[in-house]
N, C-alpha and C. Protein backbone atom coordinates (compact mmCIF):
# COMPACT_ATOMS: atom_id res chain seq x y z
N MET A 1 -6.89 30.44 -30.04
CA MET A 1 -8.08 31.04 -29.52
C MET A 1 -8.02 30.88 -28.00
N SER A 2 -8.39 31.96 -27.28
CA SER A 2 -8.39 31.88 -25.82
C SER A 2 -9.59 32.65 -25.26
N GLY A 3 -10.04 32.22 -24.11
CA GLY A 3 -11.18 32.84 -23.46
C GLY A 3 -10.70 33.69 -22.33
N PRO A 4 -11.63 34.30 -21.57
CA PRO A 4 -11.24 35.13 -20.46
C PRO A 4 -10.39 34.34 -19.44
N GLY A 5 -9.29 34.92 -19.06
CA GLY A 5 -8.39 34.30 -18.09
C GLY A 5 -7.53 33.18 -18.64
N GLN A 6 -7.61 32.97 -19.96
CA GLN A 6 -6.79 31.90 -20.56
C GLN A 6 -5.71 32.54 -21.40
N GLU A 7 -4.52 31.96 -21.36
CA GLU A 7 -3.43 32.44 -22.15
C GLU A 7 -3.50 31.82 -23.55
N ALA A 8 -3.26 32.68 -24.58
CA ALA A 8 -3.28 32.16 -25.96
C ALA A 8 -2.14 31.17 -26.16
N SER A 9 -2.40 30.07 -26.81
CA SER A 9 -1.39 29.06 -27.07
C SER A 9 -0.61 29.41 -28.33
N ALA A 10 0.69 29.26 -28.25
CA ALA A 10 1.55 29.57 -29.40
C ALA A 10 1.44 28.50 -30.47
N SER A 11 0.97 27.33 -30.09
CA SER A 11 0.88 26.20 -31.02
C SER A 11 -0.50 25.56 -30.86
N PRO A 12 -1.12 25.14 -31.95
CA PRO A 12 -2.41 24.44 -31.82
C PRO A 12 -2.22 23.21 -30.93
N VAL A 13 -3.30 22.75 -30.34
CA VAL A 13 -3.26 21.60 -29.47
C VAL A 13 -4.09 20.45 -30.03
N ILE A 14 -3.73 19.27 -29.62
CA ILE A 14 -4.50 18.08 -29.94
C ILE A 14 -5.21 17.71 -28.67
N LEU A 15 -6.50 17.94 -28.64
CA LEU A 15 -7.26 17.72 -27.39
C LEU A 15 -7.52 16.24 -27.17
N GLY A 16 -7.62 15.88 -25.90
CA GLY A 16 -7.96 14.52 -25.55
C GLY A 16 -6.82 13.52 -25.63
N VAL A 17 -5.61 14.00 -25.92
CA VAL A 17 -4.46 13.11 -26.02
C VAL A 17 -3.68 13.20 -24.73
N LYS A 18 -3.38 12.09 -24.16
CA LYS A 18 -2.59 12.04 -22.92
C LYS A 18 -1.11 12.19 -23.29
N THR A 19 -0.46 13.10 -22.60
CA THR A 19 0.97 13.27 -22.78
C THR A 19 1.69 12.39 -21.81
N ASP A 20 3.02 12.39 -21.86
CA ASP A 20 3.84 11.59 -20.97
C ASP A 20 3.58 11.95 -19.51
N HIS A 21 3.12 13.17 -19.27
CA HIS A 21 2.89 13.64 -17.92
C HIS A 21 1.41 13.57 -17.55
N GLY A 22 0.59 12.88 -18.32
CA GLY A 22 -0.81 12.70 -17.98
C GLY A 22 -1.71 13.88 -18.35
N GLU A 23 -1.15 14.93 -18.99
CA GLU A 23 -1.99 16.05 -19.38
C GLU A 23 -2.95 15.64 -20.46
N SER A 24 -4.06 16.37 -20.61
CA SER A 24 -5.07 15.93 -21.56
C SER A 24 -4.97 16.64 -22.89
N GLU A 25 -3.98 17.44 -23.10
CA GLU A 25 -3.78 18.02 -24.41
C GLU A 25 -2.28 18.05 -24.73
N MET A 26 -1.98 18.02 -26.01
CA MET A 26 -0.60 18.01 -26.44
C MET A 26 -0.46 19.03 -27.55
N LYS A 27 0.53 19.87 -27.48
CA LYS A 27 0.74 20.84 -28.52
C LYS A 27 1.30 20.16 -29.77
N VAL A 28 0.87 20.67 -30.94
CA VAL A 28 1.35 20.12 -32.17
C VAL A 28 2.87 20.15 -32.20
N GLN A 29 3.48 21.19 -31.68
CA GLN A 29 4.93 21.31 -31.66
C GLN A 29 5.55 20.13 -30.88
N ASP A 30 4.87 19.67 -29.80
CA ASP A 30 5.37 18.55 -29.05
C ASP A 30 5.39 17.28 -29.92
N VAL A 31 4.34 17.13 -30.73
CA VAL A 31 4.25 15.97 -31.62
C VAL A 31 5.38 16.07 -32.65
N LEU A 32 5.55 17.23 -33.24
CA LEU A 32 6.61 17.42 -34.23
C LEU A 32 8.00 17.13 -33.67
N MET A 33 8.22 17.51 -32.42
CA MET A 33 9.50 17.23 -31.76
C MET A 33 9.75 15.73 -31.72
N LYS A 34 8.68 14.95 -31.49
CA LYS A 34 8.82 13.50 -31.49
C LYS A 34 9.16 13.00 -32.88
N VAL A 35 8.56 13.60 -33.90
CA VAL A 35 8.80 13.18 -35.29
C VAL A 35 10.22 13.41 -35.70
N TYR A 36 10.78 14.58 -35.38
CA TYR A 36 12.12 14.89 -35.88
C TYR A 36 13.24 14.54 -34.87
N GLY A 37 12.91 13.84 -33.84
CA GLY A 37 13.95 13.36 -32.89
C GLY A 37 14.95 12.50 -33.67
N PRO A 38 16.24 12.72 -33.46
CA PRO A 38 17.24 11.96 -34.21
C PRO A 38 17.11 10.44 -34.07
N GLY A 39 16.77 9.99 -32.88
CA GLY A 39 16.59 8.54 -32.70
C GLY A 39 15.46 7.97 -33.50
N ARG A 40 14.32 8.70 -33.52
CA ARG A 40 13.17 8.23 -34.29
C ARG A 40 13.45 8.31 -35.78
N LEU A 41 14.14 9.37 -36.23
CA LEU A 41 14.51 9.45 -37.66
C LEU A 41 15.45 8.32 -38.04
N GLN A 42 16.39 7.96 -37.16
CA GLN A 42 17.31 6.88 -37.46
C GLN A 42 16.55 5.53 -37.54
N THR A 43 15.62 5.31 -36.64
CA THR A 43 14.80 4.09 -36.65
C THR A 43 13.95 4.05 -37.95
N ALA A 44 13.36 5.20 -38.32
CA ALA A 44 12.58 5.27 -39.54
C ALA A 44 13.45 4.98 -40.77
N TRP A 45 14.67 5.54 -40.78
CA TRP A 45 15.60 5.29 -41.88
C TRP A 45 15.91 3.81 -41.99
N GLN A 46 16.14 3.15 -40.88
CA GLN A 46 16.48 1.70 -40.90
C GLN A 46 15.30 0.92 -41.49
N GLN A 47 14.07 1.30 -41.17
CA GLN A 47 12.90 0.62 -41.73
C GLN A 47 12.81 0.85 -43.24
N VAL A 48 13.01 2.10 -43.66
CA VAL A 48 12.97 2.41 -45.10
C VAL A 48 14.09 1.65 -45.83
N ARG A 49 15.26 1.63 -45.21
CA ARG A 49 16.40 0.96 -45.83
C ARG A 49 16.13 -0.55 -46.00
N LYS A 50 15.49 -1.14 -44.99
CA LYS A 50 15.19 -2.57 -45.04
C LYS A 50 14.20 -2.90 -46.15
N HIS A 51 13.22 -1.99 -46.37
CA HIS A 51 12.22 -2.24 -47.42
C HIS A 51 12.70 -1.81 -48.80
N ALA A 52 13.76 -1.04 -48.87
CA ALA A 52 14.34 -0.57 -50.13
C ALA A 52 13.28 0.12 -51.00
N GLY A 53 13.00 -0.41 -52.18
CA GLY A 53 12.02 0.22 -53.07
C GLY A 53 12.70 1.06 -54.12
N ALA A 54 11.92 1.53 -55.05
CA ALA A 54 12.45 2.31 -56.20
C ALA A 54 12.68 3.76 -55.81
N ALA A 55 13.43 4.46 -56.63
CA ALA A 55 13.72 5.87 -56.42
C ALA A 55 12.49 6.70 -56.78
N GLY A 56 12.36 7.84 -56.13
CA GLY A 56 11.27 8.77 -56.41
C GLY A 56 11.67 9.70 -57.55
N ILE A 57 10.98 10.87 -57.62
CA ILE A 57 11.24 11.79 -58.73
C ILE A 57 12.64 12.39 -58.69
N ASP A 58 13.28 12.37 -57.51
CA ASP A 58 14.65 12.91 -57.45
C ASP A 58 15.69 11.87 -57.91
N GLN A 59 15.26 10.67 -58.25
CA GLN A 59 16.11 9.57 -58.72
C GLN A 59 17.13 9.07 -57.67
N MET A 60 16.99 9.48 -56.40
CA MET A 60 17.91 9.03 -55.36
C MET A 60 17.41 7.65 -54.86
N THR A 61 18.30 6.68 -54.95
CA THR A 61 17.97 5.32 -54.48
C THR A 61 18.27 5.23 -52.99
N VAL A 62 17.80 4.16 -52.36
CA VAL A 62 18.07 3.94 -50.94
C VAL A 62 19.59 3.76 -50.75
N ALA A 63 20.25 3.10 -51.67
CA ALA A 63 21.72 2.89 -51.59
C ALA A 63 22.45 4.24 -51.67
N GLU A 64 21.99 5.15 -52.52
CA GLU A 64 22.61 6.48 -52.63
C GLU A 64 22.38 7.29 -51.35
N PHE A 65 21.18 7.18 -50.77
CA PHE A 65 20.89 7.85 -49.50
C PHE A 65 21.82 7.33 -48.42
N ALA A 66 22.04 6.01 -48.40
CA ALA A 66 22.90 5.38 -47.39
C ALA A 66 24.31 5.95 -47.44
N GLN A 67 24.78 6.32 -48.62
CA GLN A 67 26.15 6.88 -48.75
C GLN A 67 26.24 8.23 -48.09
N ARG A 68 25.14 8.95 -47.97
CA ARG A 68 25.12 10.29 -47.39
C ARG A 68 24.19 10.35 -46.16
N GLU A 69 24.02 9.23 -45.53
CA GLU A 69 23.07 9.02 -44.43
C GLU A 69 23.13 10.12 -43.35
N ASP A 70 24.29 10.36 -42.77
CA ASP A 70 24.43 11.31 -41.68
C ASP A 70 24.03 12.71 -42.14
N GLU A 71 24.54 13.11 -43.28
CA GLU A 71 24.25 14.46 -43.82
C GLU A 71 22.75 14.64 -44.10
N LEU A 72 22.14 13.63 -44.74
CA LEU A 72 20.76 13.75 -45.14
C LEU A 72 19.76 13.61 -43.94
N LEU A 73 20.11 12.76 -42.96
CA LEU A 73 19.27 12.69 -41.78
C LEU A 73 19.32 14.00 -40.99
N ALA A 74 20.50 14.61 -40.95
CA ALA A 74 20.64 15.93 -40.30
C ALA A 74 19.83 17.00 -41.05
N LEU A 75 19.82 16.92 -42.40
CA LEU A 75 19.02 17.85 -43.18
C LEU A 75 17.54 17.64 -42.92
N ILE A 76 17.07 16.42 -42.86
CA ILE A 76 15.68 16.15 -42.55
C ILE A 76 15.33 16.72 -41.17
N HIS A 77 16.19 16.43 -40.18
CA HIS A 77 15.96 16.93 -38.82
C HIS A 77 15.84 18.46 -38.79
N ASP A 78 16.79 19.11 -39.42
CA ASP A 78 16.83 20.60 -39.43
C ASP A 78 15.61 21.18 -40.14
N THR A 79 15.22 20.63 -41.28
CA THR A 79 14.10 21.23 -42.03
C THR A 79 12.78 20.91 -41.33
N LEU A 80 12.66 19.77 -40.69
CA LEU A 80 11.42 19.52 -39.90
C LEU A 80 11.37 20.46 -38.72
N LYS A 81 12.50 20.59 -38.04
CA LYS A 81 12.54 21.46 -36.86
C LYS A 81 12.21 22.91 -37.19
N SER A 82 12.69 23.37 -38.32
CA SER A 82 12.45 24.77 -38.72
C SER A 82 11.07 24.97 -39.34
N GLY A 83 10.41 23.87 -39.66
CA GLY A 83 9.06 23.98 -40.30
C GLY A 83 9.15 24.17 -41.79
N SER A 84 10.31 23.98 -42.38
CA SER A 84 10.48 24.23 -43.83
C SER A 84 10.44 22.96 -44.66
N TYR A 85 10.28 21.79 -44.03
CA TYR A 85 10.24 20.55 -44.80
C TYR A 85 8.99 20.51 -45.65
N ARG A 86 9.15 20.13 -46.91
CA ARG A 86 8.02 19.97 -47.82
C ARG A 86 8.12 18.65 -48.54
N PHE A 87 7.04 17.91 -48.56
CA PHE A 87 7.02 16.65 -49.27
C PHE A 87 7.12 16.92 -50.79
N GLN A 88 7.82 16.03 -51.49
CA GLN A 88 8.00 16.15 -52.95
C GLN A 88 6.86 15.39 -53.63
N PRO A 89 6.54 15.76 -54.84
CA PRO A 89 5.53 14.99 -55.58
C PRO A 89 6.05 13.54 -55.78
N ALA A 90 5.12 12.61 -55.80
CA ALA A 90 5.48 11.22 -56.01
C ALA A 90 5.71 10.96 -57.52
N ARG A 91 6.65 10.07 -57.78
CA ARG A 91 6.89 9.63 -59.19
C ARG A 91 5.76 8.66 -59.55
N ARG A 92 5.08 8.93 -60.62
CA ARG A 92 3.94 8.09 -61.06
C ARG A 92 4.41 7.04 -62.02
N VAL A 93 4.08 5.78 -61.72
CA VAL A 93 4.35 4.70 -62.64
C VAL A 93 3.09 3.86 -62.76
N GLU A 94 3.01 3.10 -63.82
CA GLU A 94 1.88 2.20 -64.00
C GLU A 94 2.41 0.77 -63.91
N ILE A 95 1.71 -0.04 -63.13
CA ILE A 95 2.09 -1.45 -62.99
C ILE A 95 0.93 -2.31 -63.40
N PRO A 96 1.21 -3.52 -63.90
CA PRO A 96 0.12 -4.37 -64.36
C PRO A 96 -0.76 -4.85 -63.19
N LYS A 97 -2.07 -4.92 -63.46
CA LYS A 97 -3.00 -5.48 -62.48
C LYS A 97 -2.99 -6.98 -62.65
N PRO A 98 -2.90 -7.73 -61.57
CA PRO A 98 -2.88 -9.20 -61.70
C PRO A 98 -4.18 -9.71 -62.35
N GLY A 99 -4.03 -10.65 -63.26
CA GLY A 99 -5.14 -11.29 -63.88
C GLY A 99 -5.88 -10.49 -64.94
N THR A 100 -5.30 -9.39 -65.36
CA THR A 100 -5.90 -8.55 -66.38
C THR A 100 -4.83 -7.84 -67.19
N SER A 101 -5.21 -7.31 -68.30
CA SER A 101 -4.24 -6.54 -69.11
C SER A 101 -4.21 -5.07 -68.70
N LYS A 102 -5.05 -4.69 -67.75
CA LYS A 102 -5.08 -3.30 -67.31
C LYS A 102 -3.93 -2.99 -66.40
N LYS A 103 -3.66 -1.68 -66.23
CA LYS A 103 -2.58 -1.22 -65.37
C LYS A 103 -3.19 -0.34 -64.29
N ARG A 104 -2.45 -0.27 -63.17
CA ARG A 104 -2.89 0.65 -62.11
C ARG A 104 -1.77 1.63 -61.83
N LYS A 105 -2.16 2.83 -61.43
CA LYS A 105 -1.17 3.88 -61.16
C LYS A 105 -0.61 3.72 -59.76
N LEU A 106 0.67 3.94 -59.64
CA LEU A 106 1.37 3.82 -58.37
C LEU A 106 2.25 5.04 -58.18
N GLY A 107 2.16 5.63 -57.00
CA GLY A 107 3.03 6.78 -56.67
C GLY A 107 4.21 6.33 -55.85
N ILE A 108 5.42 6.68 -56.25
CA ILE A 108 6.63 6.32 -55.52
C ILE A 108 7.21 7.56 -54.88
N PRO A 109 7.18 7.66 -53.56
CA PRO A 109 7.76 8.84 -52.92
C PRO A 109 9.27 8.82 -52.88
N VAL A 110 9.89 9.97 -52.69
CA VAL A 110 11.35 10.04 -52.57
C VAL A 110 11.72 9.43 -51.22
N VAL A 111 12.97 8.98 -51.10
CA VAL A 111 13.44 8.32 -49.88
C VAL A 111 13.25 9.22 -48.65
N MET A 112 13.57 10.49 -48.74
CA MET A 112 13.42 11.39 -47.60
C MET A 112 11.97 11.45 -47.14
N ASP A 113 11.03 11.47 -48.06
CA ASP A 113 9.60 11.49 -47.69
C ASP A 113 9.18 10.19 -47.03
N ARG A 114 9.73 9.08 -47.47
CA ARG A 114 9.43 7.80 -46.84
C ARG A 114 9.93 7.79 -45.40
N ILE A 115 11.07 8.35 -45.16
CA ILE A 115 11.64 8.44 -43.80
C ILE A 115 10.76 9.33 -42.92
N VAL A 116 10.38 10.50 -43.42
CA VAL A 116 9.54 11.39 -42.65
C VAL A 116 8.17 10.74 -42.37
N GLY A 117 7.60 10.10 -43.38
CA GLY A 117 6.32 9.45 -43.21
C GLY A 117 6.38 8.32 -42.19
N THR A 118 7.45 7.55 -42.23
CA THR A 118 7.63 6.45 -41.26
C THR A 118 7.80 7.00 -39.87
N SER A 119 8.56 8.07 -39.73
CA SER A 119 8.74 8.71 -38.44
C SER A 119 7.43 9.27 -37.90
N MET A 120 6.66 9.91 -38.78
CA MET A 120 5.36 10.44 -38.36
C MET A 120 4.44 9.33 -37.90
N HIS A 121 4.39 8.25 -38.66
CA HIS A 121 3.56 7.13 -38.33
C HIS A 121 3.92 6.57 -36.95
N SER A 122 5.23 6.42 -36.71
CA SER A 122 5.71 5.90 -35.44
C SER A 122 5.33 6.80 -34.27
N ALA A 123 5.52 8.11 -34.43
CA ALA A 123 5.19 9.04 -33.36
C ALA A 123 3.69 9.08 -33.08
N LEU A 124 2.89 9.15 -34.14
CA LEU A 124 1.44 9.22 -33.94
C LEU A 124 0.87 7.90 -33.41
N GLU A 125 1.43 6.79 -33.86
CA GLU A 125 0.96 5.50 -33.38
C GLU A 125 1.18 5.39 -31.86
N LYS A 126 2.34 5.84 -31.40
CA LYS A 126 2.67 5.79 -29.98
C LYS A 126 1.68 6.65 -29.17
N ILE A 127 1.29 7.76 -29.72
CA ILE A 127 0.38 8.69 -29.05
C ILE A 127 -1.04 8.15 -29.01
N PHE A 128 -1.51 7.69 -30.18
CA PHE A 128 -2.91 7.35 -30.30
C PHE A 128 -3.25 5.87 -30.14
N ASP A 129 -2.31 4.95 -30.31
CA ASP A 129 -2.62 3.53 -30.27
C ASP A 129 -3.23 3.07 -28.96
N ALA A 130 -2.72 3.54 -27.85
CA ALA A 130 -3.28 3.13 -26.55
C ALA A 130 -4.75 3.57 -26.41
N ASP A 131 -5.06 4.80 -26.88
CA ASP A 131 -6.44 5.30 -26.80
C ASP A 131 -7.35 4.45 -27.72
N PHE A 132 -6.90 4.13 -28.92
CA PHE A 132 -7.69 3.32 -29.83
C PHE A 132 -7.90 1.91 -29.28
N THR A 133 -6.87 1.34 -28.72
CA THR A 133 -6.95 -0.01 -28.16
C THR A 133 -7.98 -0.06 -27.05
N VAL A 134 -7.96 0.92 -26.15
CA VAL A 134 -8.93 0.97 -25.06
C VAL A 134 -10.32 1.17 -25.60
N ALA A 135 -10.49 2.09 -26.58
CA ALA A 135 -11.81 2.37 -27.13
C ALA A 135 -12.40 1.15 -27.81
N PHE A 136 -11.58 0.40 -28.57
CA PHE A 136 -12.12 -0.76 -29.26
C PHE A 136 -12.35 -1.95 -28.33
N SER A 137 -11.62 -2.02 -27.23
CA SER A 137 -11.83 -3.15 -26.30
C SER A 137 -13.15 -2.99 -25.56
N ARG A 138 -13.65 -1.75 -25.47
CA ARG A 138 -14.94 -1.50 -24.81
C ARG A 138 -16.13 -1.83 -25.70
N ALA A 139 -15.90 -1.85 -27.02
CA ALA A 139 -17.00 -2.04 -27.94
C ALA A 139 -17.51 -3.46 -27.98
């Protein structure tokens, strides 16, 4: 959306967010570029690898992902960059609730989704954490 004398933006913006250059808005595409940056994806993969966890619906374990690490991180990068990445449904399991005979449902995402989620968390935390810290310190 643009008003008189304003150029239409090709990408939605996140208002009120300070960019590296002190601007007060950041395009969503700029945020996505931070998410799919190879360095951030590699860091996210290392965190997912460290925490391991069960396989998702695709049955790919963290160990199996590690065997194809370069290929699969490149695939994640390319699909995020092109806008074609889609999260997979989580594998649903039931685990016992402590102290009771009841069970609770747990969703287990695929390894690739865990990497993307970790990368997104890292990118967004870097953008918003300083603003939240300042806002809460004033309260």
